[in-house]
PDB file of N, CA and C in Angstrom:
ATOM      1  N   UNK A   1     -83.343  -3.935 162.706  1.00  0.00           N
ATOM      2  CA  UNK A   1     -82.523  -5.186 162.894  1.00  0.00           C
ATOM      3  C   UNK A   1     -81.564  -5.241 161.834  1.00  0.00           C
ATOM      4  N   UNK A   2     -80.464  -6.074 162.418  1.00  0.00           N
ATOM      5  CA  UNK A   2     -79.297  -5.862 161.669  1.00  0.00           C
ATOM      6  C   UNK A   2     -78.855  -7.633 161.544  1.00  0.00           C
ATOM      7  N   UNK A   3     -79.248  -7.889 159.963  1.00  0.00           N
ATOM      8  CA  UNK A   3     -78.974  -9.380 159.581  1.00  0.00           C
ATOM      9  C   UNK A   3     -77.221  -9.254 159.094  1.00  0.00           C
ATOM     10  N   UNK A   4     -76.695  -9.974 159.515  1.00  0.00           N
ATOM     11  CA  UNK A   4     -75.163 -10.060 158.967  1.00  0.00           C
ATOM     12  C   UNK A   4     -74.910 -11.759 158.477  1.00  0.00           C
ATOM     13  N   UNK A   5     -74.395 -11.643 157.470  1.00  0.00           N
ATOM     14  CA  UNK A   5     -73.819 -12.984 156.882  1.00  0.00           C
ATOM     15  C   UNK A   5     -72.252 -13.248 157.105  1.00  0.00           C
ATOM     16  N   UNK A   6     -71.802 -14.010 157.665  1.00  0.00           N
ATOM     17  CA  UNK A   6     -70.487 -13.369 157.775  1.00  0.00           C
ATOM     18  C   UNK A   6     -69.786 -15.133 157.813  1.00  0.00           C
ATOM     19  N   UNK A   7     -68.715 -15.360 157.211  1.00  0.00           N
ATOM     20  CA  UNK A   7     -68.191 -16.703 156.936  1.00  0.00           C
ATOM     21  C   UNK A   7     -69.075 -17.885 157.059  1.00  0.00           C
ATOM     22  N   UNK A   8     -69.812 -17.609 156.332  1.00  0.00           N
ATOM     23  CA  UNK A   8     -71.023 -19.019 155.914  1.00  0.00           C
ATOM     24  C   UNK A   8     -72.025 -18.946 157.135  1.00  0.00           C
ATOM     25  N   UNK A   9     -72.262 -18.028 158.059  1.00  0.00           N
ATOM     26  CA  UNK A   9     -73.184 -18.042 159.210  1.00  0.00           C
ATOM     27  C   UNK A   9     -73.997 -16.602 158.955  1.00  0.00           C
ATOM     28  N   UNK A  10     -75.191 -17.035 159.545  1.00  0.00           N
ATOM     29  CA  UNK A  10     -75.964 -15.688 159.592  1.00  0.00           C
ATOM     30  C   UNK A  10     -76.456 -15.556 161.012  1.00  0.00           C
ATOM     31  N   UNK A  11     -76.453 -14.063 161.257  1.00  0.00           N
ATOM     32  CA  UNK A  11     -76.731 -13.442 162.796  1.00  0.00           C
ATOM     33  C   UNK A  11     -77.658 -12.328 162.521  1.00  0.00           C
ATOM     34  N   UNK A  12     -78.344 -12.240 163.381  1.00  0.00           N
ATOM     35  CA  UNK A  12     -79.408 -11.316 163.712  1.00  0.00           C
ATOM     36  C   UNK A  12     -79.173 -10.552 164.842  1.00  0.00           C
ATOM     37  N   UNK A  13     -79.245  -9.246 164.869  1.00  0.00           N
ATOM     38  CA  UNK A  13     -78.938  -8.645 165.956  1.00  0.00           C
ATOM     39  C   UNK A  13     -79.284  -7.268 165.797  1.00  0.00           C
ATOM     40  N   UNK A  14     -79.933  -6.701 167.032  1.00  0.00           N
ATOM     41  CA  UNK A  14     -80.558  -5.311 167.203  1.00  0.00           C
ATOM     42  C   UNK A  14     -79.621  -4.274 166.909  1.00  0.00           C
ATOM     43  N   UNK A  15     -80.194  -3.185 166.873  1.00  0.00           N
ATOM     44  CA  UNK A  15     -79.102  -1.724 166.606  1.00  0.00           C
ATOM     45  C   UNK A  15     -78.818  -1.523 167.903  1.00  0.00           C
ATOM     46  N   UNK A  16     -79.528  -1.501 168.764  1.00  0.00           N
ATOM     47  CA  UNK A  16     -79.228  -1.339 170.160  1.00  0.00           C
ATOM     48  C   UNK A  16     -77.878  -2.245 170.826  1.00  0.00           C
ATOM     49  N   UNK A  17     -78.075  -3.760 170.396  1.00  0.00           N
ATOM     50  CA  UNK A  17     -76.664  -4.695 171.084  1.00  0.00           C
ATOM     51  C   UNK A  17     -75.588  -4.056 170.221  1.00  0.00           C
ATOM     52  N   UNK A  18     -75.816  -3.328 169.064  1.00  0.00           N
ATOM     53  CA  UNK A  18     -74.316  -3.031 168.576  1.00  0.00           C
ATOM     54  C   UNK A  18     -74.097  -1.903 169.018  1.00  0.00           C
ATOM     55  N   UNK A  19     -75.149  -0.963 169.827  1.00  0.00           N
ATOM     56  CA  UNK A  19     -75.005   0.519 169.941  1.00  0.00           C
ATOM     57  C   UNK A  19     -74.805   1.521 168.712  1.00  0.00           C
ATOM     58  N   UNK A  20     -75.705   1.047 168.228  1.00  0.00           N
ATOM     59  CA  UNK A  20     -75.678   1.964 166.838  1.00  0.00           C
ATOM     60  C   UNK A  20     -76.480   2.908 167.011  1.00  0.00           C
ATOM     61  N   UNK A  21     -76.319   4.303 166.520  1.00  0.00           N
ATOM     62  CA  UNK A  21     -76.941   5.501 166.547  1.00  0.00           C
ATOM     63  C   UNK A  21     -77.797   6.020 165.055  1.00  0.00           C
ATOM     64  N   UNK A  22     -78.657   6.641 165.091  1.00  0.00           N
ATOM     65  CA  UNK A  22     -79.248   7.317 164.000  1.00  0.00           C
ATOM     66  C   UNK A  22     -78.125   8.005 162.881  1.00  0.00           C
ATOM     67  N   UNK A  23     -77.969   8.034 161.856  1.00  0.00           N
ATOM     68  CA  UNK A  23     -76.818   8.444 160.935  1.00  0.00           C
ATOM     69  C   UNK A  23     -75.265   8.101 160.945  1.00  0.00           C
ATOM     70  N   UNK A  24     -75.428   6.810 161.257  1.00  0.00           N
ATOM     71  CA  UNK A  24     -74.227   5.991 161.205  1.00  0.00           C
ATOM     72  C   UNK A  24     -73.566   5.872 159.888  1.00  0.00           C
ATOM     73  N   UNK A  25     -72.498   5.779 159.274  1.00  0.00           N
ATOM     74  CA  UNK A  25     -72.355   5.693 157.930  1.00  0.00           C
ATOM     75  C   UNK A  25     -72.098   4.294 157.995  1.00  0.00           C
ATOM     76  N   UNK A  26     -71.634   3.871 156.864  1.00  0.00           N
ATOM     77  CA  UNK A  26     -71.298   2.059 156.542  1.00  0.00           C
ATOM     78  C   UNK A  26     -70.343   1.916 157.143  1.00  0.00           C
ATOM     79  N   UNK A  27     -68.830   2.552 157.140  1.00  0.00           N
ATOM     80  CA  UNK A  27     -67.773   2.181 158.034  1.00  0.00           C
ATOM     81  C   UNK A  27     -67.982   2.163 159.318  1.00  0.00           C
ATOM     82  N   UNK A  28     -69.176   3.002 159.799  1.00  0.00           N
ATOM     83  CA  UNK A  28     -69.078   3.017 161.525  1.00  0.00           C
ATOM     84  C   UNK A  28     -69.843   1.790 161.563  1.00  0.00           C
ATOM     85  N   UNK A  29     -70.976   1.487 160.833  1.00  0.00           N
ATOM     86  CA  UNK A  29     -71.612   0.305 161.235  1.00  0.00           C
ATOM     87  C   UNK A  29     -71.096  -1.039 161.152  1.00  0.00           C
ATOM     88  N   UNK A  30     -70.292  -1.201 160.119  1.00  0.00           N
ATOM     89  CA  UNK A  30     -69.268  -2.250 160.059  1.00  0.00           C
ATOM     90  C   UNK A  30     -68.333  -2.213 161.347  1.00  0.00           C
ATOM     91  N   UNK A  31     -67.613  -1.053 161.608  1.00  0.00           N
ATOM     92  CA  UNK A  31     -67.140  -1.372 162.812  1.00  0.00           C
ATOM     93  C   UNK A  31     -67.712  -1.848 164.198  1.00  0.00           C
ATOM     94  N   UNK A  32     -68.738  -1.676 164.142  1.00  0.00           N
ATOM     95  CA  UNK A  32     -69.510  -2.338 165.508  1.00  0.00           C
ATOM     96  C   UNK A  32     -70.005  -3.541 165.226  1.00  0.00           C
ATOM     97  N   UNK A  33     -70.135  -3.980 163.722  1.00  0.00           N
ATOM     98  CA  UNK A  33     -70.616  -5.398 163.756  1.00  0.00           C
ATOM     99  C   UNK A  33     -69.360  -6.461 164.152  1.00  0.00           C
ATOM    100  N   UNK A  34     -68.150  -5.808 163.453  1.00  0.00           N
ATOM    101  CA  UNK A  34     -66.659  -6.218 163.644  1.00  0.00           C
ATOM    102  C   UNK A  34     -66.768  -6.748 165.439  1.00  0.00           C
ATOM    103  N   UNK A  35     -67.030  -4.999 165.977  1.00  0.00           N
ATOM    104  CA  UNK A  35     -66.669  -5.161 167.771  1.00  0.00           C
ATOM    105  C   UNK A  35     -67.505  -6.519 167.961  1.00  0.00           C
ATOM    106  N   UNK A  36     -68.668  -6.427 167.750  1.00  0.00           N
ATOM    107  CA  UNK A  36     -69.853  -7.468 167.833  1.00  0.00           C
ATOM    108  C   UNK A  36     -69.175  -8.920 167.960  1.00  0.00           C
ATOM    109  N   UNK A  37     -68.616  -9.227 167.021  1.00  0.00           N
ATOM    110  CA  UNK A  37     -68.385 -10.636 166.367  1.00  0.00           C
ATOM    111  C   UNK A  37     -66.647 -11.105 167.251  1.00  0.00           C
ATOM    112  N   UNK A  38     -66.301  -9.664 167.486  1.00  0.00           N
ATOM    113  CA  UNK A  38     -64.835  -9.771 167.955  1.00  0.00           C
ATOM    114  C   UNK A  38     -64.107 -10.229 167.004  1.00  0.00           C
ATOM    115  N   UNK A  39     -64.104  -9.704 166.088  1.00  0.00           N
ATOM    116  CA  UNK A  39     -63.108  -9.931 164.665  1.00  0.00           C
ATOM    117  C   UNK A  39     -62.640  -8.364 164.337  1.00  0.00           C
ATOM    118  N   UNK A  40     -61.441  -8.218 163.607  1.00  0.00           N
ATOM    119  CA  UNK A  40     -60.784  -7.301 162.969  1.00  0.00           C
ATOM    120  C   UNK A  40     -61.794  -6.370 162.041  1.00  0.00           C
ATOM    121  N   UNK A  41     -62.054  -5.316 162.011  1.00  0.00           N
ATOM    122  CA  UNK A  41     -62.712  -4.432 161.023  1.00  0.00           C
ATOM    123  C   UNK A  41     -62.337  -4.826 159.544  1.00  0.00           C
ATOM    124  N   UNK A  42     -61.163  -5.179 159.425  1.00  0.00           N
ATOM    125  CA  UNK A  42     -60.580  -5.494 157.812  1.00  0.00           C
ATOM    126  C   UNK A  42     -61.127  -6.667 157.444  1.00  0.00           C
ATOM    127  N   UNK A  43     -61.612  -7.808 158.118  1.00  0.00           N
ATOM    128  CA  UNK A  43     -62.405  -9.014 157.815  1.00  0.00           C
ATOM    129  C   UNK A  43     -63.691  -8.767 157.050  1.00  0.00           C
ATOM    130  N   UNK A  44     -63.889  -7.032 156.834  1.00  0.00           N
ATOM    131  CA  UNK A  44     -65.373  -6.568 156.745  1.00  0.00           C
ATOM    132  C   UNK A  44     -65.127  -5.953 154.898  1.00  0.00           C
ATOM    133  N   UNK A  45     -63.577  -5.509 154.532  1.00  0.00           N
ATOM    134  CA  UNK A  45     -63.408  -5.069 153.391  1.00  0.00           C
ATOM    135  C   UNK A  45     -64.126  -5.134 152.309  1.00  0.00           C
ATOM    136  N   UNK A  46     -64.474  -6.443 151.806  1.00  0.00           N
ATOM    137  CA  UNK A  46     -65.274  -6.734 150.697  1.00  0.00           C
ATOM    138  C   UNK A  46     -66.608  -7.073 150.947  1.00  0.00           C
ATOM    139  N   UNK A  47     -67.302  -6.655 152.262  1.00  0.00           N
ATOM    140  CA  UNK A  47     -68.738  -6.449 152.694  1.00  0.00           C
ATOM    141  C   UNK A  47     -69.277  -5.394 152.070  1.00  0.00           C
ATOM    142  N   UNK A  48     -70.811  -5.382 152.008  1.00  0.00           N
ATOM    143  CA  UNK A  48     -71.653  -4.146 151.584  1.00  0.00           C
ATOM    144  C   UNK A  48     -72.424  -3.981 152.933  1.00  0.00           C
ATOM    145  N   UNK A  49     -72.843  -2.941 152.913  1.00  0.00           N
ATOM    146  CA  UNK A  49     -74.355  -2.820 153.965  1.00  0.00           C
ATOM    147  C   UNK A  49     -75.392  -2.175 152.692  1.00  0.00           C
ATOM    148  N   UNK A  50     -76.221  -3.068 152.868  1.00  0.00           N
ATOM    149  CA  UNK A  50     -77.807  -3.131 152.419  1.00  0.00           C
ATOM    150  C   UNK A  50     -78.469  -2.414 153.184  1.00  0.00           C
ATOM    151  N   UNK A  51     -78.848  -1.160 153.033  1.00  0.00           N
ATOM    152  CA  UNK A  51     -80.206  -0.456 153.946  1.00  0.00           C
ATOM    153  C   UNK A  51     -81.250  -0.568 153.243  1.00  0.00           C
ATOM    154  N   UNK A  52     -82.295  -1.823 153.859  1.00  0.00           N
ATOM    155  CA  UNK A  52     -83.591  -1.811 153.259  1.00  0.00           C
ATOM    156  C   UNK A  52     -84.762  -1.029 153.342  1.00  0.00           C
ATOM    157  N   UNK A  53     -85.489  -0.804 152.846  1.00  0.00           N
ATOM    158  CA  UNK A  53     -86.762  -0.062 152.425  1.00  0.00           C
ATOM    159  C   UNK A  53     -87.594   0.299 154.188  1.00  0.00           C
ATOM    160  N   UNK A  54     -87.311  -1.189 154.722  1.00  0.00           N
ATOM    161  CA  UNK A  54     -88.098  -1.358 156.259  1.00  0.00           C
ATOM    162  C   UNK A  54     -87.200  -0.885 157.248  1.00  0.00           C
ATOM    163  N   UNK A  55     -85.793  -0.442 157.021  1.00  0.00           N
ATOM    164  CA  UNK A  55     -85.005   0.338 157.849  1.00  0.00           C
ATOM    165  C   UNK A  55     -84.353  -0.867 158.552  1.00  0.00           C
ATOM    166  N   UNK A  56     -84.423  -2.246 157.822  1.00  0.00           N
ATOM    167  CA  UNK A  56     -83.325  -3.416 158.731  1.00  0.00           C
ATOM    168  C   UNK A  56     -82.182  -3.105 157.523  1.00  0.00           C
ATOM    169  N   UNK A  57     -81.083  -3.664 158.212  1.00  0.00           N
ATOM    170  CA  UNK A  57     -79.871  -3.640 157.597  1.00  0.00           C
ATOM    171  C   UNK A  57     -79.050  -4.812 157.252  1.00  0.00           C
ATOM    172  N   UNK A  58     -78.816  -5.022 156.101  1.00  0.00           N
ATOM    173  CA  UNK A  58     -78.164  -6.623 155.932  1.00  0.00           C
ATOM    174  C   UNK A  58     -76.570  -6.123 155.435  1.00  0.00           C
ATOM    175  N   UNK A  59     -75.974  -6.860 156.249  1.00  0.00           N
ATOM    176  CA  UNK A  59     -74.224  -6.892 155.989  1.00  0.00           C
ATOM    177  C   UNK A  59     -74.107  -8.140 155.210  1.00  0.00           C
ATOM    178  N   UNK A  60     -73.255  -8.093 153.879  1.00  0.00           N
ATOM    179  CA  UNK A  60     -72.953  -9.534 153.318  1.00  0.00           C
ATOM    180  C   UNK A  60     -71.709  -9.383 152.359  1.00  0.00           C
ATOM    181  N   UNK A  61     -71.453 -10.247 152.086  1.00  0.00           N
ATOM    182  CA  UNK A  61     -70.348 -10.249 151.132  1.00  0.00           C
ATOM    183  C   UNK A  61     -70.595  -9.800 149.848  1.00  0.00           C
ATOM    184  N   UNK A  62     -69.926  -8.826 149.102  1.00  0.00           N
ATOM    185  CA  UNK A  62     -70.335  -8.203 147.874  1.00  0.00           C
ATOM    186  C   UNK A  62     -70.299  -9.319 147.077  1.00  0.00           C
ATOM    187  N   UNK A  63     -71.714  -9.376 146.249  1.00  0.00           N
ATOM    188  CA  UNK A  63     -71.945 -10.446 145.388  1.00  0.00           C
ATOM    189  C   UNK A  63     -70.798 -10.078 143.764  1.00  0.00           C
ATOM    190  N   UNK A  64     -70.498 -11.166 143.368  1.00  0.00           N
ATOM    191  CA  UNK A  64     -69.584 -11.285 142.210  1.00  0.00           C
ATOM    192  C   UNK A  64     -70.237 -12.189 141.098  1.00  0.00           C
ATOM    193  N   UNK A  65     -70.623 -11.481 140.118  1.00  0.00           N
ATOM    194  CA  UNK A  65     -71.448 -12.075 138.972  1.00  0.00           C
ATOM    195  C   UNK A  65     -70.266 -12.812 137.895  1.00  0.00           C
ATOM    196  N   UNK A  66     -70.454 -13.746 136.993  1.00  0.00           N
ATOM    197  CA  UNK A  66     -69.730 -13.838 135.856  1.00  0.00           C
ATOM    198  C   UNK A  66     -68.665 -14.420 135.991  1.00  0.00           C
TER     199      UNK A  66
END
């Protein structure tokens, strides 16, 4: 499962829906998510890909503290 937090909304999509394959790097994952949401990949420049131990992926804005 891929959980995406984008523009104040949350989306859950499967790897199959995104056309993901094993071994994709973070940039490739972001590109697939951008295509799925029909936005430019540049919208995700300040986002991070958080790969969870469960195998799930969380795509979210980079956290800024302080």
